[in-house]
Amino acid sequence: MDEQAIVCSICRVLVTSHAYGKPLPQDVVLGKASFPAHNGATAKAAFDALRRKPFVVDHGKRGVQLDNSQFGALIQFLYDECGWDRFELELRIKHFEGWNEIRW
């Protein structure tokens, strides 16, 4: 499994476990993400790569959380890079008003 696939798996965890104002620690996120056990080092690298995405707020050792003001960038990333379809995006990310700005 490559790093990008693990980044997508981590994004799925963040979207499904999103709690406003509450960062998720790396060990919790990686514990919920789906990847083969032998890919632990790649998973940690993927988590570090995700910290730098514009739709992620990095709280250091406390973890990461989604940036509510950057849902457009998150949706575009999930659609373009992770293969999420429009139906799932609209189902999972309900409090977004910029759907007409997404490049489908």
C-alpha atoms as a PDB file:
ATOM      1  CA  MET A   1       0.000   0.000   0.000  1.00  0.00           C
ATOM      2  CA  ASP A   2       1.521   3.335  -1.008  1.00  0.00           C
ATOM      3  CA  GLU A   3       1.643   6.491   1.082  1.00  0.00           C
ATOM      4  CA  GLN A   4      -1.146   8.207  -0.889  1.00  0.00           C
ATOM      5  CA  ALA A   5      -3.550   5.324  -0.228  1.00  0.00           C
ATOM      6  CA  ILE A   6      -2.775   5.556   3.476  1.00  0.00           C
ATOM      7  CA  VAL A   7      -3.297   9.349   3.408  1.00  0.00           C
ATOM      8  CA  CYS A   8      -6.752   8.653   1.935  1.00  0.00           C
ATOM      9  CA  SER A   9      -7.461   6.089   4.648  1.00  0.00           C
ATOM     10  CA  ILE A  10      -6.426   8.602   7.319  1.00  0.00           C
ATOM     11  CA  CYS A  11      -8.685  11.236   5.723  1.00  0.00           C
ATOM     12  CA  ARG A  12     -11.580   8.801   5.959  1.00  0.00           C
ATOM     13  CA  VAL A  13     -10.910   8.454   9.699  1.00  0.00           C
ATOM     14  CA  LEU A  14     -10.773  12.224  10.143  1.00  0.00           C
ATOM     15  CA  VAL A  15     -14.014  12.775   8.227  1.00  0.00           C
ATOM     16  CA  THR A  16     -15.924  10.035  10.035  1.00  0.00           C
ATOM     17  CA  SER A  17     -14.506  10.919  13.468  1.00  0.00           C
ATOM     18  CA  HIS A  18     -14.575  14.708  13.062  1.00  0.00           C
ATOM     19  CA  ALA A  19     -15.456  16.540  16.259  1.00  0.00           C
ATOM     20  CA  TYR A  20     -15.370  20.322  16.166  1.00  0.00           C
ATOM     21  CA  GLY A  21     -12.555  21.662  18.314  1.00  0.00           C
ATOM     22  CA  LYS A  22     -11.168  18.263  19.255  1.00  0.00           C
ATOM     23  CA  PRO A  23      -7.916  17.112  17.633  1.00  0.00           C
ATOM     24  CA  LEU A  24      -7.320  13.395  17.147  1.00  0.00           C
ATOM     25  CA  PRO A  25      -3.908  12.071  18.243  1.00  0.00           C
ATOM     26  CA  GLN A  26      -1.729  10.207  15.757  1.00  0.00           C
ATOM     27  CA  ASP A  27      -2.021   6.863  17.568  1.00  0.00           C
ATOM     28  CA  VAL A  28      -5.829   7.062  17.590  1.00  0.00           C
ATOM     29  CA  VAL A  29      -6.022   7.988  13.895  1.00  0.00           C
ATOM     30  CA  LEU A  30      -3.560   5.313  12.796  1.00  0.00           C
ATOM     31  CA  GLY A  31      -5.321   2.762  15.003  1.00  0.00           C
ATOM     32  CA  LYS A  32      -8.557   3.397  13.107  1.00  0.00           C
ATOM     33  CA  ALA A  33      -7.032   3.723   9.628  1.00  0.00           C
ATOM     34  CA  SER A  34      -7.007   0.723   7.340  1.00  0.00           C
ATOM     35  CA  PHE A  35      -3.543  -0.384   6.222  1.00  0.00           C
ATOM     36  CA  PRO A  36      -1.424  -3.548   6.498  1.00  0.00           C
ATOM     37  CA  ALA A  37       0.525  -3.870   9.759  1.00  0.00           C
ATOM     38  CA  HIS A  38       3.859  -4.027   7.939  1.00  0.00           C
ATOM     39  CA  ASN A  39       3.213  -0.506   6.581  1.00  0.00           C
ATOM     40  CA  GLY A  40       3.579   1.200   9.970  1.00  0.00           C
ATOM     41  CA  ALA A  41       6.508   3.395   8.903  1.00  0.00           C
ATOM     42  CA  THR A  42       4.698   4.408   5.717  1.00  0.00           C
ATOM     43  CA  ALA A  43       1.581   5.198   7.763  1.00  0.00           C
ATOM     44  CA  LYS A  44       3.553   7.519  10.042  1.00  0.00           C
ATOM     45  CA  ALA A  45       5.040   9.253   6.982  1.00  0.00           C
ATOM     46  CA  ALA A  46       1.537   9.586   5.512  1.00  0.00           C
ATOM     47  CA  PHE A  47       0.276  11.120   8.755  1.00  0.00           C
ATOM     48  CA  ASP A  48       3.149  13.625   8.682  1.00  0.00           C
ATOM     49  CA  ALA A  49       2.362  14.457   5.044  1.00  0.00           C
ATOM     50  CA  LEU A  50      -1.286  14.999   5.923  1.00  0.00           C
ATOM     51  CA  ARG A  51      -0.326  17.481   8.666  1.00  0.00           C
ATOM     52  CA  ARG A  52       0.819  19.851   5.895  1.00  0.00           C
ATOM     53  CA  LYS A  53      -2.429  19.787   3.892  1.00  0.00           C
ATOM     54  CA  PRO A  54      -4.389  23.068   3.847  1.00  0.00           C
ATOM     55  CA  PHE A  55      -7.513  21.393   5.238  1.00  0.00           C
ATOM     56  CA  VAL A  56      -5.762  20.023   8.342  1.00  0.00           C
ATOM     57  CA  VAL A  57      -4.969  21.914  11.541  1.00  0.00           C
ATOM     58  CA  ASP A  58      -1.862  20.517  13.209  1.00  0.00           C
ATOM     59  CA  HIS A  59      -1.897  20.659  17.006  1.00  0.00           C
ATOM     60  CA  GLY A  60       1.498  19.034  17.427  1.00  0.00           C
ATOM     61  CA  LYS A  61       1.494  16.190  19.957  1.00  0.00           C
ATOM     62  CA  ARG A  62      -2.247  16.710  20.609  1.00  0.00           C
ATOM     63  CA  GLY A  63      -2.984  15.550  17.057  1.00  0.00           C
ATOM     64  CA  VAL A  64      -4.769  16.922  14.020  1.00  0.00           C
ATOM     65  CA  GLN A  65      -8.247  18.002  13.083  1.00  0.00           C
ATOM     66  CA  LEU A  66     -10.030  19.164   9.972  1.00  0.00           C
ATOM     67  CA  ASP A  67     -10.090  22.901   9.303  1.00  0.00           C
ATOM     68  CA  ASN A  68     -13.761  23.814   8.992  1.00  0.00           C
ATOM     69  CA  SER A  69     -12.916  26.813   6.813  1.00  0.00           C
ATOM     70  CA  GLN A  70     -11.127  24.573   4.283  1.00  0.00           C
ATOM     71  CA  PHE A  71     -13.816  21.987   3.530  1.00  0.00           C
ATOM     72  CA  GLY A  72     -13.672  22.945  -0.164  1.00  0.00           C
ATOM     73  CA  ALA A  73     -10.015  21.927  -0.361  1.00  0.00           C
ATOM     74  CA  LEU A  74     -10.790  18.743   1.581  1.00  0.00           C
ATOM     75  CA  ILE A  75     -13.657  17.800  -0.723  1.00  0.00           C
ATOM     76  CA  GLN A  76     -11.614  18.495  -3.843  1.00  0.00           C
ATOM     77  CA  PHE A  77      -8.733  16.395  -2.466  1.00  0.00           C
ATOM     78  CA  LEU A  78     -11.016  13.486  -1.544  1.00  0.00           C
ATOM     79  CA  TYR A  79     -12.658  13.599  -4.972  1.00  0.00           C
ATOM     80  CA  ASP A  80      -9.464  13.992  -7.019  1.00  0.00           C
ATOM     81  CA  GLU A  81      -6.927  11.998  -5.014  1.00  0.00           C
ATOM     82  CA  CYS A  82      -8.944   9.449  -3.051  1.00  0.00           C
ATOM     83  CA  GLY A  83     -11.698   8.575  -5.480  1.00  0.00           C
ATOM     84  CA  TRP A  84     -14.626   9.507  -3.250  1.00  0.00           C
ATOM     85  CA  ASP A  85     -17.776   9.996  -5.274  1.00  0.00           C
ATOM     86  CA  ARG A  86     -20.020  13.020  -5.047  1.00  0.00           C
ATOM     87  CA  PHE A  87     -22.795  11.159  -3.223  1.00  0.00           C
ATOM     88  CA  GLU A  88     -20.489  10.057  -0.389  1.00  0.00           C
ATOM     89  CA  LEU A  89     -18.954  13.507  -0.078  1.00  0.00           C
ATOM     90  CA  GLU A  90     -22.349  15.172   0.184  1.00  0.00           C
ATOM     91  CA  LEU A  91     -23.461  12.531   2.679  1.00  0.00           C
ATOM     92  CA  ARG A  92     -20.395  12.847   4.925  1.00  0.00           C
ATOM     93  CA  ILE A  93     -19.733  16.591   4.737  1.00  0.00           C
ATOM     94  CA  LYS A  94     -23.088  18.170   5.386  1.00  0.00           C
ATOM     95  CA  HIS A  95     -22.155  21.637   6.635  1.00  0.00           C
ATOM     96  CA  PHE A  96     -20.527  22.891   3.452  1.00  0.00           C
ATOM     97  CA  GLU A  97     -22.083  25.540   1.281  1.00  0.00           C
ATOM     98  CA  GLY A  98     -19.612  25.671  -1.626  1.00  0.00           C
ATOM     99  CA  TRP A  99     -20.685  22.579  -3.564  1.00  0.00           C
ATOM    100  CA  ASN A 100     -21.047  24.600  -6.761  1.00  0.00           C
ATOM    101  CA  GLU A 101     -17.329  25.498  -6.595  1.00  0.00           C
ATOM    102  CA  ILE A 102     -16.127  21.861  -6.649  1.00  0.00           C
ATOM    103  CA  ARG A 103     -14.659  20.658  -9.960  1.00  0.00           C
ATOM    104  CA  TRP A 104     -16.474  17.370 -10.546  1.00  0.00           C
END
